[in-house]
Amino acid sequence: MANDGALRLAIVWLSVIMVLVGVFTFSLKKIMVTYAFGMLGISGILLPDWDFFDREFSRWPYPVTADERAALQARRSGFK
């Protein structure tokens, strides 16, 4: 994962939401469900190696080659 700051921020916000759920509902079960759904959401959005999936579908079973990684880096570092 390239953006550790976003992961930390998402986990902090998840903990704030869990505290709010706990304060308003007094339910440990709801806190745990909030944690489970939050972590699944974070892991589905922030953790995947999107460079790996930003290729043709037929290339997904194979590792990213150095040439493909260099091409992705060159595309990303261009002017907007």
PDB file of N, CA and C in Angstrom:
ATOM      1  N   MET A   1       0.831  -1.170   0.000  1.00  0.00           N
ATOM      2  CA  MET A   1       0.000   0.000   0.000  1.00  0.00           C
ATOM      3  C   MET A   1       0.879   1.237   0.000  1.00  0.00           C
ATOM      4  N   ALA A   2       0.583   2.136  -0.890  1.00  0.00           N
ATOM      5  CA  ALA A   2       1.416   3.309  -1.043  1.00  0.00           C
ATOM      6  C   ALA A   2       1.019   4.450  -0.109  1.00  0.00           C
ATOM      7  N   ASN A   3      -0.207   4.471   0.352  1.00  0.00           N
ATOM      8  CA  ASN A   3      -0.671   5.616   1.120  1.00  0.00           C
ATOM      9  C   ASN A   3      -0.986   5.203   2.559  1.00  0.00           C
ATOM     10  N   ASP A   4       0.048   5.148   3.406  1.00  0.00           N
ATOM     11  CA  ASP A   4      -0.135   4.745   4.795  1.00  0.00           C
ATOM     12  C   ASP A   4      -0.917   5.783   5.588  1.00  0.00           C
ATOM     13  N   GLY A   5      -0.789   7.032   5.222  1.00  0.00           N
ATOM     14  CA  GLY A   5      -1.523   8.089   5.920  1.00  0.00           C
ATOM     15  C   GLY A   5      -3.027   7.917   5.776  1.00  0.00           C
ATOM     16  N   ALA A   6      -3.482   7.534   4.604  1.00  0.00           N
ATOM     17  CA  ALA A   6      -4.914   7.307   4.390  1.00  0.00           C
ATOM     18  C   ALA A   6      -5.403   6.129   5.216  1.00  0.00           C
ATOM     19  N   LEU A   7      -4.593   5.098   5.328  1.00  0.00           N
ATOM     20  CA  LEU A   7      -4.964   3.936   6.145  1.00  0.00           C
ATOM     21  C   LEU A   7      -5.084   4.341   7.609  1.00  0.00           C
ATOM     22  N   ARG A   8      -4.101   5.081   8.113  1.00  0.00           N
ATOM     23  CA  ARG A   8      -4.152   5.530   9.511  1.00  0.00           C
ATOM     24  C   ARG A   8      -5.377   6.405   9.769  1.00  0.00           C
ATOM     25  N   LEU A   9      -5.654   7.323   8.863  1.00  0.00           N
ATOM     26  CA  LEU A   9      -6.806   8.210   9.006  1.00  0.00           C
ATOM     27  C   LEU A   9      -8.112   7.414   9.007  1.00  0.00           C
ATOM     28  N   ALA A  10      -8.224   6.437   8.119  1.00  0.00           N
ATOM     29  CA  ALA A  10      -9.435   5.621   8.063  1.00  0.00           C
ATOM     30  C   ALA A  10      -9.628   4.818   9.343  1.00  0.00           C
ATOM     31  N   ILE A  11      -8.551   4.300   9.902  1.00  0.00           N
ATOM     32  CA  ILE A  11      -8.658   3.526  11.144  1.00  0.00           C
ATOM     33  C   ILE A  11      -9.021   4.434  12.312  1.00  0.00           C
ATOM     34  N   VAL A  12      -8.492   5.649  12.341  1.00  0.00           N
ATOM     35  CA  VAL A  12      -8.859   6.598  13.395  1.00  0.00           C
ATOM     36  C   VAL A  12     -10.339   6.944  13.295  1.00  0.00           C
ATOM     37  N   TRP A  13     -10.825   7.213  12.076  1.00  0.00           N
ATOM     38  CA  TRP A  13     -12.243   7.521  11.905  1.00  0.00           C
ATOM     39  C   TRP A  13     -13.115   6.335  12.281  1.00  0.00           C
ATOM     40  N   LEU A  14     -12.664   5.142  11.978  1.00  0.00           N
ATOM     41  CA  LEU A  14     -13.422   3.952  12.369  1.00  0.00           C
ATOM     42  C   LEU A  14     -13.514   3.859  13.893  1.00  0.00           C
ATOM     43  N   SER A  15     -12.429   4.152  14.576  1.00  0.00           N
ATOM     44  CA  SER A  15     -12.468   4.101  16.047  1.00  0.00           C
ATOM     45  C   SER A  15     -13.402   5.169  16.613  1.00  0.00           C
ATOM     46  N   VAL A  16     -13.434   6.353  16.003  1.00  0.00           N
ATOM     47  CA  VAL A  16     -14.357   7.402  16.448  1.00  0.00           C
ATOM     48  C   VAL A  16     -15.803   6.940  16.254  1.00  0.00           C
ATOM     49  N   ILE A  17     -16.086   6.339  15.109  1.00  0.00           N
ATOM     50  CA  ILE A  17     -17.438   5.844  14.840  1.00  0.00           C
ATOM     51  C   ILE A  17     -17.810   4.740  15.827  1.00  0.00           C
ATOM     52  N   MET A  18     -16.847   3.869  16.145  1.00  0.00           N
ATOM     53  CA  MET A  18     -17.114   2.801  17.109  1.00  0.00           C
ATOM     54  C   MET A  18     -17.429   3.372  18.492  1.00  0.00           C
ATOM     55  N   VAL A  19     -16.701   4.399  18.905  1.00  0.00           N
ATOM     56  CA  VAL A  19     -16.971   5.028  20.207  1.00  0.00           C
ATOM     57  C   VAL A  19     -18.362   5.656  20.209  1.00  0.00           C
ATOM     58  N   LEU A  20     -18.719   6.334  19.125  1.00  0.00           N
ATOM     59  CA  LEU A  20     -20.044   6.941  19.042  1.00  0.00           C
ATOM     60  C   LEU A  20     -21.145   5.884  19.081  1.00  0.00           C
ATOM     61  N   VAL A  21     -20.965   4.794  18.362  1.00  0.00           N
ATOM     62  CA  VAL A  21     -21.941   3.703  18.398  1.00  0.00           C
ATOM     63  C   VAL A  21     -22.054   3.157  19.813  1.00  0.00           C
ATOM     64  N   GLY A  22     -20.931   2.997  20.483  1.00  0.00           N
ATOM     65  CA  GLY A  22     -20.956   2.497  21.858  1.00  0.00           C
ATOM     66  C   GLY A  22     -21.637   3.439  22.821  1.00  0.00           C
ATOM     67  N   VAL A  23     -21.390   4.734  22.674  1.00  0.00           N
ATOM     68  CA  VAL A  23     -21.984   5.718  23.576  1.00  0.00           C
ATOM     69  C   VAL A  23     -23.505   5.796  23.380  1.00  0.00           C
ATOM     70  N   PHE A  24     -23.946   5.742  22.138  1.00  0.00           N
ATOM     71  CA  PHE A  24     -25.370   5.910  21.876  1.00  0.00           C
ATOM     72  C   PHE A  24     -26.180   4.630  21.994  1.00  0.00           C
ATOM     73  N   THR A  25     -25.566   3.457  21.840  1.00  0.00           N
ATOM     74  CA  THR A  25     -26.346   2.217  21.879  1.00  0.00           C
ATOM     75  C   THR A  25     -26.035   1.340  23.080  1.00  0.00           C
ATOM     76  N   PHE A  26     -24.905   1.520  23.729  1.00  0.00           N
ATOM     77  CA  PHE A  26     -24.480   0.679  24.854  1.00  0.00           C
ATOM     78  C   PHE A  26     -24.491  -0.801  24.486  1.00  0.00           C
ATOM     79  N   SER A  27     -24.124  -1.106  23.243  1.00  0.00           N
ATOM     80  CA  SER A  27     -24.167  -2.489  22.774  1.00  0.00           C
ATOM     81  C   SER A  27     -22.793  -2.899  22.250  1.00  0.00           C
ATOM     82  N   LEU A  28     -22.187  -3.849  22.945  1.00  0.00           N
ATOM     83  CA  LEU A  28     -20.894  -4.362  22.494  1.00  0.00           C
ATOM     84  C   LEU A  28     -21.029  -5.075  21.155  1.00  0.00           C
ATOM     85  N   LYS A  29     -22.155  -5.740  20.948  1.00  0.00           N
ATOM     86  CA  LYS A  29     -22.385  -6.451  19.688  1.00  0.00           C
ATOM     87  C   LYS A  29     -22.403  -5.468  18.506  1.00  0.00           C
ATOM     88  N   LYS A  30     -23.066  -4.328  18.678  1.00  0.00           N
ATOM     89  CA  LYS A  30     -23.110  -3.335  17.599  1.00  0.00           C
ATOM     90  C   LYS A  30     -21.740  -2.709  17.369  1.00  0.00           C
ATOM     91  N   ILE A  31     -20.968  -2.543  18.426  1.00  0.00           N
ATOM     92  CA  ILE A  31     -19.606  -2.023  18.270  1.00  0.00           C
ATOM     93  C   ILE A  31     -18.766  -3.009  17.450  1.00  0.00           C
ATOM     94  N   MET A  32     -18.880  -4.288  17.754  1.00  0.00           N
ATOM     95  CA  MET A  32     -18.099  -5.303  17.039  1.00  0.00           C
ATOM     96  C   MET A  32     -18.543  -5.420  15.569  1.00  0.00           C
ATOM     97  N   VAL A  33     -19.842  -5.293  15.316  1.00  0.00           N
ATOM     98  CA  VAL A  33     -20.332  -5.324  13.931  1.00  0.00           C
ATOM     99  C   VAL A  33     -19.816  -4.104  13.176  1.00  0.00           C
ATOM    100  N   THR A  34     -19.817  -2.946  13.837  1.00  0.00           N
ATOM    101  CA  THR A  34     -19.277  -1.731  13.220  1.00  0.00           C
ATOM    102  C   THR A  34     -17.800  -1.914  12.895  1.00  0.00           C
ATOM    103  N   TYR A  35     -17.064  -2.513  13.819  1.00  0.00           N
ATOM    104  CA  TYR A  35     -15.641  -2.768  13.588  1.00  0.00           C
ATOM    105  C   TYR A  35     -15.445  -3.709  12.395  1.00  0.00           C
ATOM    106  N   ALA A  36     -16.214  -4.789  12.356  1.00  0.00           N
ATOM    107  CA  ALA A  36     -16.060  -5.772  11.281  1.00  0.00           C
ATOM    108  C   ALA A  36     -16.366  -5.162   9.919  1.00  0.00           C
ATOM    109  N   PHE A  37     -17.499  -4.458   9.807  1.00  0.00           N
ATOM    110  CA  PHE A  37     -17.836  -3.833   8.529  1.00  0.00           C
ATOM    111  C   PHE A  37     -16.844  -2.736   8.162  1.00  0.00           C
ATOM    112  N   GLY A  38     -16.389  -1.976   9.134  1.00  0.00           N
ATOM    113  CA  GLY A  38     -15.413  -0.923   8.860  1.00  0.00           C
ATOM    114  C   GLY A  38     -14.096  -1.470   8.362  1.00  0.00           C
ATOM    115  N   MET A  39     -13.602  -2.524   9.007  1.00  0.00           N
ATOM    116  CA  MET A  39     -12.332  -3.107   8.573  1.00  0.00           C
ATOM    117  C   MET A  39     -12.459  -3.761   7.197  1.00  0.00           C
ATOM    118  N   LEU A  40     -13.603  -4.396   6.927  1.00  0.00           N
ATOM    119  CA  LEU A  40     -13.824  -4.963   5.587  1.00  0.00           C
ATOM    120  C   LEU A  40     -13.852  -3.857   4.535  1.00  0.00           C
ATOM    121  N   GLY A  41     -14.511  -2.752   4.863  1.00  0.00           N
ATOM    122  CA  GLY A  41     -14.557  -1.631   3.931  1.00  0.00           C
ATOM    123  C   GLY A  41     -13.186  -1.020   3.696  1.00  0.00           C
ATOM    124  N   ILE A  42     -12.436  -0.832   4.766  1.00  0.00           N
ATOM    125  CA  ILE A  42     -11.084  -0.270   4.636  1.00  0.00           C
ATOM    126  C   ILE A  42     -10.199  -1.205   3.823  1.00  0.00           C
ATOM    127  N   SER A  43     -10.267  -2.487   4.113  1.00  0.00           N
ATOM    128  CA  SER A  43      -9.406  -3.437   3.394  1.00  0.00           C
ATOM    129  C   SER A  43      -9.815  -3.584   1.934  1.00  0.00           C
ATOM    130  N   GLY A  44     -11.072  -3.341   1.626  1.00  0.00           N
ATOM    131  CA  GLY A  44     -11.509  -3.433   0.238  1.00  0.00           C
ATOM    132  C   GLY A  44     -11.195  -2.210  -0.590  1.00  0.00           C
ATOM    133  N   ILE A  45     -11.039  -1.058   0.067  1.00  0.00           N
ATOM    134  CA  ILE A  45     -10.807   0.190  -0.659  1.00  0.00           C
ATOM    135  C   ILE A  45      -9.352   0.623  -0.606  1.00  0.00           C
ATOM    136  N   LEU A  46      -8.724   0.578   0.568  1.00  0.00           N
ATOM    137  CA  LEU A  46      -7.393   1.155   0.726  1.00  0.00           C
ATOM    138  C   LEU A  46      -6.246   0.168   0.548  1.00  0.00           C
ATOM    139  N   LEU A  47      -6.440  -1.080   0.887  1.00  0.00           N
ATOM    140  CA  LEU A  47      -5.311  -2.000   0.903  1.00  0.00           C
ATOM    141  C   LEU A  47      -4.949  -2.661  -0.424  1.00  0.00           C
ATOM    142  N   PRO A  48      -5.895  -2.908  -1.327  1.00  0.00           N
ATOM    143  CA  PRO A  48      -5.502  -3.619  -2.554  1.00  0.00           C
ATOM    144  C   PRO A  48      -4.423  -2.887  -3.344  1.00  0.00           C
ATOM    145  N   ASP A  49      -3.600  -3.656  -3.999  1.00  0.00           N
ATOM    146  CA  ASP A  49      -2.557  -3.108  -4.862  1.00  0.00           C
ATOM    147  C   ASP A  49      -3.210  -2.753  -6.197  1.00  0.00           C
ATOM    148  N   TRP A  50      -3.708  -1.513  -6.300  1.00  0.00           N
ATOM    149  CA  TRP A  50      -4.466  -1.140  -7.488  1.00  0.00           C
ATOM    150  C   TRP A  50      -3.598  -1.159  -8.738  1.00  0.00           C
ATOM    151  N   ASP A  51      -2.270  -0.982  -8.591  1.00  0.00           N
ATOM    152  CA  ASP A  51      -1.392  -1.103  -9.750  1.00  0.00           C
ATOM    153  C   ASP A  51      -1.478  -2.500 -10.345  1.00  0.00           C
ATOM    154  N   PHE A  52      -1.646  -3.490  -9.489  1.00  0.00           N
ATOM    155  CA  PHE A  52      -1.767  -4.870  -9.954  1.00  0.00           C
ATOM    156  C   PHE A  52      -3.026  -5.044 -10.798  1.00  0.00           C
ATOM    157  N   PHE A  53      -4.131  -4.441 -10.381  1.00  0.00           N
ATOM    158  CA  PHE A  53      -5.399  -4.602 -11.087  1.00  0.00           C
ATOM    159  C   PHE A  53      -5.560  -3.612 -12.229  1.00  0.00           C
ATOM    160  N   ASP A  54      -4.669  -2.624 -12.330  1.00  0.00           N
ATOM    161  CA  ASP A  54      -4.750  -1.630 -13.398  1.00  0.00           C
ATOM    162  C   ASP A  54      -4.026  -2.136 -14.645  1.00  0.00           C
ATOM    163  N   ARG A  55      -4.367  -3.352 -15.007  1.00  0.00           N
ATOM    164  CA  ARG A  55      -3.793  -3.993 -16.195  1.00  0.00           C
ATOM    165  C   ARG A  55      -4.905  -4.731 -16.907  1.00  0.00           C
ATOM    166  N   GLU A  56      -4.583  -5.305 -18.055  1.00  0.00           N
ATOM    167  CA  GLU A  56      -5.571  -6.118 -18.751  1.00  0.00           C
ATOM    168  C   GLU A  56      -5.969  -7.294 -17.865  1.00  0.00           C
ATOM    169  N   PHE A  57      -7.233  -7.667 -17.951  1.00  0.00           N
ATOM    170  CA  PHE A  57      -7.750  -8.753 -17.123  1.00  0.00           C
ATOM    171  C   PHE A  57      -6.984 -10.056 -17.334  1.00  0.00           C
ATOM    172  N   SER A  58      -6.546 -10.300 -18.545  1.00  0.00           N
ATOM    173  CA  SER A  58      -5.829 -11.542 -18.844  1.00  0.00           C
ATOM    174  C   SER A  58      -4.457 -11.600 -18.164  1.00  0.00           C
ATOM    175  N   ARG A  59      -3.924 -10.462 -17.692  1.00  0.00           N
ATOM    176  CA  ARG A  59      -2.615 -10.420 -17.040  1.00  0.00           C
ATOM    177  C   ARG A  59      -2.701 -10.568 -15.525  1.00  0.00           C
ATOM    178  N   TRP A  60      -3.903 -10.579 -14.943  1.00  0.00           N
ATOM    179  CA  TRP A  60      -4.054 -10.644 -13.497  1.00  0.00           C
ATOM    180  C   TRP A  60      -3.433 -11.882 -12.858  1.00  0.00           C
ATOM    181  N   PRO A  61      -3.482 -13.058 -13.488  1.00  0.00           N
ATOM    182  CA  PRO A  61      -2.883 -14.235 -12.821  1.00  0.00           C
ATOM    183  C   PRO A  61      -1.353 -14.179 -12.736  1.00  0.00           C
ATOM    184  N   TYR A  62      -0.733 -13.254 -13.448  1.00  0.00           N
ATOM    185  CA  TYR A  62       0.723 -13.202 -13.507  1.00  0.00           C
ATOM    186  C   TYR A  62       1.258 -12.021 -12.705  1.00  0.00           C
ATOM    187  N   PRO A  63       2.445 -12.153 -12.129  1.00  0.00           N
ATOM    188  CA  PRO A  63       3.026 -11.042 -11.362  1.00  0.00           C
ATOM    189  C   PRO A  63       3.272  -9.818 -12.243  1.00  0.00           C
ATOM    190  N   VAL A  64       3.311  -8.660 -11.611  1.00  0.00           N
ATOM    191  CA  VAL A  64       3.612  -7.424 -12.328  1.00  0.00           C
ATOM    192  C   VAL A  64       5.092  -7.443 -12.685  1.00  0.00           C
ATOM    193  N   THR A  65       5.395  -7.259 -13.958  1.00  0.00           N
ATOM    194  CA  THR A  65       6.793  -7.252 -14.393  1.00  0.00           C
ATOM    195  C   THR A  65       7.405  -5.877 -14.125  1.00  0.00           C
ATOM    196  N   ALA A  66       8.705  -5.818 -14.182  1.00  0.00           N
ATOM    197  CA  ALA A  66       9.410  -4.550 -13.959  1.00  0.00           C
ATOM    198  C   ALA A  66       9.023  -3.529 -15.025  1.00  0.00           C
ATOM    199  N   ASP A  67       8.832  -3.984 -16.259  1.00  0.00           N
ATOM    200  CA  ASP A  67       8.429  -3.071 -17.334  1.00  0.00           C
ATOM    201  C   ASP A  67       7.044  -2.483 -17.076  1.00  0.00           C
ATOM    202  N   GLU A  68       6.114  -3.331 -16.618  1.00  0.00           N
ATOM    203  CA  GLU A  68       4.768  -2.836 -16.327  1.00  0.00           C
ATOM    204  C   GLU A  68       4.789  -1.848 -15.165  1.00  0.00           C
ATOM    205  N   ARG A  69       5.570  -2.138 -14.144  1.00  0.00           N
ATOM    206  CA  ARG A  69       5.658  -1.239 -12.990  1.00  0.00           C
ATOM    207  C   ARG A  69       6.277   0.097 -13.412  1.00  0.00           C
ATOM    208  N   ALA A  70       7.304   0.060 -14.258  1.00  0.00           N
ATOM    209  CA  ALA A  70       7.929   1.302 -14.739  1.00  0.00           C
ATOM    210  C   ALA A  70       6.942   2.112 -15.577  1.00  0.00           C
ATOM    211  N   ALA A  71       6.140   1.432 -16.393  1.00  0.00           N
ATOM    212  CA  ALA A  71       5.148   2.130 -17.209  1.00  0.00           C
ATOM    213  C   ALA A  71       4.084   2.782 -16.323  1.00  0.00           C
ATOM    214  N   LEU A  72       3.662   2.093 -15.266  1.00  0.00           N
ATOM    215  CA  LEU A  72       2.685   2.669 -14.346  1.00  0.00           C
ATOM    216  C   LEU A  72       3.260   3.873 -13.613  1.00  0.00           C
ATOM    217  N   GLN A  73       4.523   3.783 -13.205  1.00  0.00           N
ATOM    218  CA  GLN A  73       5.174   4.909 -12.527  1.00  0.00           C
ATOM    219  C   GLN A  73       5.316   6.106 -13.464  1.00  0.00           C
ATOM    220  N   ALA A  74       5.646   5.850 -14.721  1.00  0.00           N
ATOM    221  CA  ALA A  74       5.804   6.931 -15.691  1.00  0.00           C
ATOM    222  C   ALA A  74       4.464   7.607 -15.952  1.00  0.00           C
ATOM    223  N   ARG A  75       3.396   6.828 -16.026  1.00  0.00           N
ATOM    224  CA  ARG A  75       2.070   7.397 -16.229  1.00  0.00           C
ATOM    225  C   ARG A  75       1.636   8.255 -15.052  1.00  0.00           C
ATOM    226  N   ARG A  76       1.966   7.798 -13.845  1.00  0.00           N
ATOM    227  CA  ARG A  76       1.553   8.490 -12.631  1.00  0.00           C
ATOM    228  C   ARG A  76       2.346   9.768 -12.413  1.00  0.00           C
ATOM    229  N   SER A  77       3.598   9.817 -12.825  1.00  0.00           N
ATOM    230  CA  SER A  77       4.436  10.972 -12.537  1.00  0.00           C
ATOM    231  C   SER A  77       4.327  12.072 -13.592  1.00  0.00           C
ATOM    232  N   GLY A  78       3.475  11.890 -14.602  1.00  0.00           N
ATOM    233  CA  GLY A  78       3.318  12.907 -15.642  1.00  0.00           C
ATOM    234  C   GLY A  78       2.580  14.116 -15.128  1.00  0.00           C
ATOM    235  N   PHE A  79       2.621  15.212 -15.899  1.00  0.00           N
ATOM    236  CA  PHE A  79       1.915  16.420 -15.534  1.00  0.00           C
ATOM    237  C   PHE A  79       0.414  16.223 -15.713  1.00  0.00           C
ATOM    238  N   LYS A  80      -0.355  16.877 -14.864  1.00  0.00           N
ATOM    239  CA  LYS A  80      -1.820  16.757 -14.927  1.00  0.00           C
ATOM    240  C   LYS A  80      -2.381  17.791 -15.860  1.00  0.00           C
TER     241      LYS A  80
END
